[in-house]
Amino acid sequence: MGRKKLAEKDHLIAALVLSVVGLAFILAANTFNATLLKVDIDNATANIGALLLIVGVLQWLFDSSVRQSFFKDIRSEIIDYRGVAESGICEYHHDSKDVDFKELFLTSANLIVGVNYSAKLIDSSIELLGARAKANKNTTIICVASDTPAEAFLEADYGNPGITNRIRKIIQVAREHDPSGKLIRIVRVPTVLRYSFVQFDHRIWAIPGTSGRGRRAVPGFFVRHGSSWFDHFSHDIEKLLEIGHDEESDRRNPPTRRSLWDRICRKSG
């Protein structure tokens, strides 16, 4: 007999014993009249018996119906949360603007930021980018390339004709803190990013893209290193770097398909 069946049997026996003992107390109380210190012993016995009988009946009702439903709901919730935990999501923010990057920005040896054209993520991290450059830490910023179908799509679909100027603002911020372009590198990609992100050493911050226009709070989440989500994003970011164009160094040495990613790996290693 399984452990579950034994537990159910024990609960049923306990409920039956309580009910039988309670009924016995009630029957016994009707066979005598006694008073002790102004307390009616027979009434007290009957009340105790009624209490035991009620507890026994409630125990049986709980075990036969409510307990099964209760534990079924708990098992379902545990399985659901376990699936989310195993996916690698370790932190969630209802509004992506509320996240605090300071510690991760300052401690990560290598950092990759991905945006289509919006400078908000960059603007909110200007001081941190400067601190990284002073600490001789590498930062790569990925954004959409100008004069490409990707830029034309963003301008037409989201109604933002000033994408080129916004990208220039990102480059300007980077060059203010690193004029040489060796520590804060700008990589232009000929494709639309499906999400914005920041890849740290052991975490990735992701902000899903929106399909419609309008301003609203956009949620974001962290995924931890070694999880399926981290591997998915990391592989996707690697592919972006493979097709990207490093506008500073590539003017002198045009890269091969793999060289951009390899250079970043060597610097972070």
Protein backbone atom coordinates (compact mmCIF):
# COMPACT_ATOMS: atom_id res chain seq x y z
CA MET A 1 0.00 0.00 0.00
CA GLY A 2 1.37 3.42 -0.98
CA ARG A 3 2.35 6.13 1.48
CA LYS A 4 -0.56 8.29 0.31
CA LYS A 5 -3.09 5.49 0.92
CA LEU A 6 -1.65 4.82 4.39
CA ALA A 7 -1.94 8.50 5.29
CA GLU A 8 -5.56 8.60 4.11
CA LYS A 9 -6.31 5.46 6.16
CA ASP A 10 -4.73 6.96 9.29
CA HIS A 11 -6.78 10.15 8.91
CA LEU A 12 -9.98 8.14 8.49
CA ILE A 13 -9.23 6.04 11.59
CA ALA A 14 -8.50 9.19 13.62
CA ALA A 15 -11.80 10.78 12.55
CA LEU A 16 -13.68 7.55 13.34
CA VAL A 17 -12.07 7.25 16.79
CA LEU A 18 -12.96 10.86 17.66
CA SER A 19 -16.56 10.33 16.54
CA VAL A 20 -16.95 7.05 18.46
CA VAL A 21 -15.40 8.47 21.64
CA GLY A 22 -17.58 11.56 21.38
CA LEU A 23 -20.72 9.50 20.93
CA ALA A 24 -19.72 7.32 23.89
CA PHE A 25 -19.32 10.41 26.09
CA ILE A 26 -22.80 11.63 25.09
CA LEU A 27 -24.42 8.27 25.84
CA ALA A 28 -22.58 7.95 29.14
CA ALA A 29 -23.68 11.44 30.23
CA ASN A 30 -27.31 10.37 29.94
CA THR A 31 -26.84 7.51 32.42
CA PHE A 32 -26.01 9.53 35.53
CA ASN A 33 -26.46 12.87 37.34
CA ALA A 34 -23.50 14.25 39.26
CA THR A 35 -22.29 17.61 40.55
CA LEU A 36 -18.82 18.55 41.67
CA LEU A 37 -18.00 22.04 42.97
CA LYS A 38 -21.28 23.29 41.45
CA VAL A 39 -20.31 21.82 38.05
CA ASP A 40 -22.74 19.42 36.37
CA ILE A 41 -20.45 16.53 35.52
CA ASP A 42 -23.03 14.89 33.27
CA ASN A 43 -23.57 18.06 31.22
CA ALA A 44 -19.82 18.67 30.95
CA THR A 45 -19.31 15.09 29.77
CA ALA A 46 -22.07 15.48 27.18
CA ASN A 47 -20.54 18.73 25.92
CA ILE A 48 -17.09 17.16 25.63
CA GLY A 49 -18.62 14.25 23.75
CA ALA A 50 -20.46 16.60 21.39
CA LEU A 51 -17.22 18.48 20.74
CA LEU A 52 -15.32 15.29 19.94
CA LEU A 53 -18.13 14.09 17.70
CA ILE A 54 -18.21 17.38 15.77
CA VAL A 55 -14.41 17.40 15.38
CA GLY A 56 -14.48 13.82 14.14
CA VAL A 57 -17.19 14.54 11.58
CA LEU A 58 -15.43 17.69 10.36
CA GLN A 59 -12.16 15.79 10.13
CA TRP A 60 -13.84 13.15 7.98
CA LEU A 61 -15.45 15.79 5.73
CA PHE A 62 -12.12 17.61 5.34
CA ASP A 63 -10.22 14.42 4.52
CA SER A 64 -12.82 13.14 2.06
CA SER A 65 -13.25 16.32 0.01
CA VAL A 66 -11.56 19.55 1.04
CA ARG A 67 -8.07 18.10 1.67
CA GLN A 68 -7.80 16.59 -1.81
CA SER A 69 -8.84 19.81 -3.50
CA PHE A 70 -6.58 21.86 -1.22
CA PHE A 71 -3.43 19.85 -1.92
CA LYS A 72 -4.28 19.60 -5.62
CA ASP A 73 -4.29 23.40 -5.81
CA ILE A 74 -0.99 23.58 -3.91
CA ARG A 75 0.64 21.04 -6.22
CA SER A 76 -0.57 22.97 -9.25
CA GLU A 77 0.87 26.25 -7.92
CA ILE A 78 4.20 24.62 -7.04
CA ILE A 79 4.51 23.10 -10.51
CA ASP A 80 3.72 26.45 -12.16
CA TYR A 81 6.24 28.39 -10.05
CA ARG A 82 8.85 25.68 -10.52
CA GLY A 83 8.54 26.04 -14.28
CA VAL A 84 9.05 29.81 -14.04
CA ALA A 85 12.03 29.36 -11.70
CA GLU A 86 13.69 26.81 -13.98
CA SER A 87 13.33 29.14 -16.95
CA GLY A 88 15.85 31.46 -15.29
CA ILE A 89 13.72 34.53 -14.59
CA CYS A 90 15.10 35.78 -11.28
CA GLU A 91 13.76 39.32 -11.00
CA TYR A 92 10.80 41.18 -12.49
CA HIS A 93 9.87 44.87 -12.64
CA HIS A 94 6.42 46.08 -13.67
CA ASP A 95 8.00 49.26 -15.05
CA SER A 96 11.42 48.79 -16.61
CA LYS A 97 12.35 52.35 -15.62
CA ASP A 98 12.37 51.30 -11.95
CA VAL A 99 15.35 48.95 -12.22
CA ASP A 100 18.61 49.93 -10.50
CA PHE A 101 21.64 48.99 -12.63
CA LYS A 102 24.31 50.66 -10.52
CA GLU A 103 25.95 47.64 -8.87
CA LEU A 104 25.81 45.47 -12.00
CA PHE A 105 27.13 48.27 -14.21
CA LEU A 106 30.10 48.88 -11.93
CA THR A 107 31.02 45.25 -11.25
CA SER A 108 30.54 43.55 -14.63
CA ALA A 109 33.79 43.06 -16.49
CA ASN A 110 32.03 43.19 -19.85
CA LEU A 111 28.76 44.92 -20.73
CA ILE A 112 26.59 44.82 -23.87
CA VAL A 113 23.64 47.19 -24.27
CA GLY A 114 21.11 46.71 -27.05
CA VAL A 115 18.58 49.35 -28.19
CA ASN A 116 16.99 50.17 -31.53
CA TYR A 117 17.34 53.91 -31.31
CA SER A 118 15.96 55.09 -27.96
CA ALA A 119 18.54 56.87 -25.83
CA LYS A 120 16.51 56.58 -22.61
CA LEU A 121 18.38 53.54 -21.38
CA ILE A 122 21.66 55.23 -22.25
CA ASP A 123 20.61 58.59 -20.76
CA SER A 124 19.71 56.97 -17.45
CA SER A 125 23.14 55.33 -17.29
CA ILE A 126 25.44 58.15 -18.45
CA GLU A 127 27.31 58.43 -15.14
CA LEU A 128 27.66 54.66 -14.94
CA LEU A 129 29.08 54.49 -18.47
CA GLY A 130 31.58 57.16 -17.49
CA ALA A 131 32.55 55.24 -14.36
CA ARG A 132 33.10 52.09 -16.42
CA ALA A 133 35.32 53.94 -18.87
CA LYS A 134 37.40 55.38 -16.01
CA ALA A 135 37.75 51.86 -14.60
CA ASN A 136 38.98 50.63 -18.01
CA LYS A 137 35.97 48.31 -18.44
CA ASN A 138 34.60 47.41 -21.88
CA THR A 139 31.09 48.43 -22.94
CA THR A 140 29.42 47.67 -26.26
CA ILE A 141 26.28 49.47 -27.41
CA ILE A 142 24.26 47.85 -30.18
CA CYS A 143 21.79 49.99 -32.16
CA VAL A 144 20.14 49.98 -35.56
CA ALA A 145 22.21 51.13 -38.54
CA SER A 146 21.31 54.26 -40.49
CA ASP A 147 20.15 54.16 -44.10
CA THR A 148 18.94 50.56 -43.83
CA PRO A 149 15.55 48.90 -44.31
CA ALA A 150 15.48 48.42 -40.52
CA GLU A 151 15.67 52.17 -39.93
CA ALA A 152 13.02 52.80 -42.60
CA PHE A 153 10.75 50.24 -40.98
CA LEU A 154 11.06 51.82 -37.54
CA GLU A 155 10.38 55.28 -38.92
CA ALA A 156 7.30 54.10 -40.83
CA ASP A 157 5.89 51.70 -38.26
CA TYR A 158 6.44 53.77 -35.11
CA GLY A 159 6.20 57.22 -36.66
CA ASN A 160 9.67 58.32 -35.53
CA PRO A 161 11.35 60.26 -38.37
CA GLY A 162 14.24 61.37 -36.13
CA ILE A 163 15.85 57.97 -35.56
CA THR A 164 19.18 59.06 -37.06
CA ASN A 165 19.40 62.00 -34.65
CA ARG A 166 18.58 59.75 -31.70
CA ILE A 167 21.35 57.35 -32.68
CA ARG A 168 23.73 60.29 -32.99
CA LYS A 169 22.82 61.23 -29.44
CA ILE A 170 23.81 57.75 -28.25
CA ILE A 171 27.14 58.04 -30.09
CA GLN A 172 27.69 61.51 -28.65
CA VAL A 173 27.15 60.27 -25.10
CA ALA A 174 29.60 57.42 -25.69
CA ARG A 175 32.28 59.67 -27.17
CA GLU A 176 32.02 62.18 -24.34
CA HIS A 177 33.25 59.50 -21.96
CA ASP A 178 35.49 57.60 -24.37
CA PRO A 179 36.74 59.72 -27.31
CA SER A 180 38.90 56.87 -28.64
CA GLY A 181 36.00 54.45 -28.95
CA LYS A 182 38.10 51.63 -27.54
CA LEU A 183 36.22 51.15 -24.26
CA ILE A 184 32.69 52.21 -25.29
CA ARG A 185 32.11 50.72 -28.73
CA ILE A 186 29.13 51.40 -30.97
CA VAL A 187 27.94 48.48 -33.09
CA ARG A 188 25.36 49.22 -35.80
CA VAL A 189 23.15 46.37 -36.98
CA PRO A 190 21.00 46.24 -40.15
CA THR A 191 18.06 44.66 -38.34
CA VAL A 192 15.33 45.63 -35.90
CA LEU A 193 15.94 44.49 -32.32
CA ARG A 194 12.92 42.60 -31.00
CA TYR A 195 13.76 43.66 -27.46
CA SER A 196 16.09 45.99 -25.60
CA PHE A 197 18.65 44.41 -23.29
CA VAL A 198 21.71 44.77 -21.10
CA GLN A 199 23.99 41.75 -20.84
CA PHE A 200 26.07 41.62 -17.66
CA ASP A 201 28.55 38.93 -16.66
CA HIS A 202 26.00 36.65 -15.01
CA ARG A 203 22.64 38.24 -15.83
CA ILE A 204 20.73 39.65 -18.76
CA TRP A 205 18.15 42.40 -18.41
CA ALA A 206 15.46 42.18 -21.13
CA ILE A 207 12.66 44.57 -22.08
CA PRO A 208 10.18 43.11 -24.61
CA GLY A 209 9.36 45.29 -27.58
CA THR A 210 5.87 46.66 -28.20
CA SER A 211 3.80 46.16 -31.32
CA GLY A 212 1.76 49.36 -31.14
CA ARG A 213 2.32 53.05 -30.66
CA GLY A 214 1.74 55.01 -27.49
CA ARG A 215 3.58 55.60 -24.23
CA ARG A 216 3.02 53.17 -21.37
CA ALA A 217 4.90 51.32 -18.67
CA VAL A 218 6.83 48.42 -20.19
CA PRO A 219 7.83 45.54 -17.89
CA GLY A 220 11.30 44.05 -17.81
CA PHE A 221 13.00 41.07 -16.21
CA PHE A 222 16.40 39.62 -15.35
CA VAL A 223 17.46 36.09 -16.31
CA ARG A 224 20.33 34.33 -14.57
CA HIS A 225 23.40 32.73 -16.10
CA GLY A 226 23.10 29.01 -16.85
CA SER A 227 19.36 29.09 -17.57
CA SER A 228 17.52 28.43 -20.82
CA TRP A 229 16.45 32.08 -21.09
CA PHE A 230 20.03 33.30 -20.57
CA ASP A 231 21.32 30.92 -23.24
CA HIS A 232 18.58 32.06 -25.63
CA PHE A 233 19.34 35.77 -25.20
CA SER A 234 23.11 35.26 -25.16
CA HIS A 235 23.01 33.33 -28.43
CA ASP A 236 20.77 35.97 -29.99
CA ILE A 237 23.11 38.79 -28.90
CA GLU A 238 26.05 36.88 -30.34
CA LYS A 239 24.25 36.73 -33.70
CA LEU A 240 23.69 40.50 -33.59
CA LEU A 241 27.40 41.07 -33.03
CA GLU A 242 28.22 38.80 -35.95
CA ILE A 243 26.22 40.94 -38.39
CA GLY A 244 27.07 44.24 -36.69
CA HIS A 245 29.35 47.01 -37.92
CA ASP A 246 31.82 48.58 -35.50
CA GLU A 247 31.91 52.09 -36.95
CA GLU A 248 35.19 53.09 -35.31
CA SER A 249 37.58 50.22 -35.90
CA ASP A 250 35.94 48.86 -39.05
CA ARG A 251 36.84 51.97 -41.00
CA ARG A 252 40.41 50.76 -40.86
CA ASN A 253 40.01 46.96 -40.57
CA PRO A 254 36.76 45.57 -42.00
CA PRO A 255 35.81 42.58 -39.79
CA THR A 256 34.91 39.09 -40.82
CA ARG A 257 31.57 37.64 -39.78
CA ARG A 258 32.97 36.20 -36.54
CA SER A 259 35.64 38.77 -35.67
CA LEU A 260 33.43 41.25 -33.80
CA TRP A 261 32.14 38.63 -31.36
CA ASP A 262 35.61 37.13 -31.00
CA ARG A 263 37.11 40.52 -30.08
CA ILE A 264 34.53 41.02 -27.34
CA CYS A 265 35.11 37.51 -25.98
CA ARG A 266 38.87 38.09 -25.85
CA LYS A 267 38.45 41.39 -23.98
CA SER A 268 35.97 39.92 -21.50
CA GLY A 269 38.07 36.80 -20.99
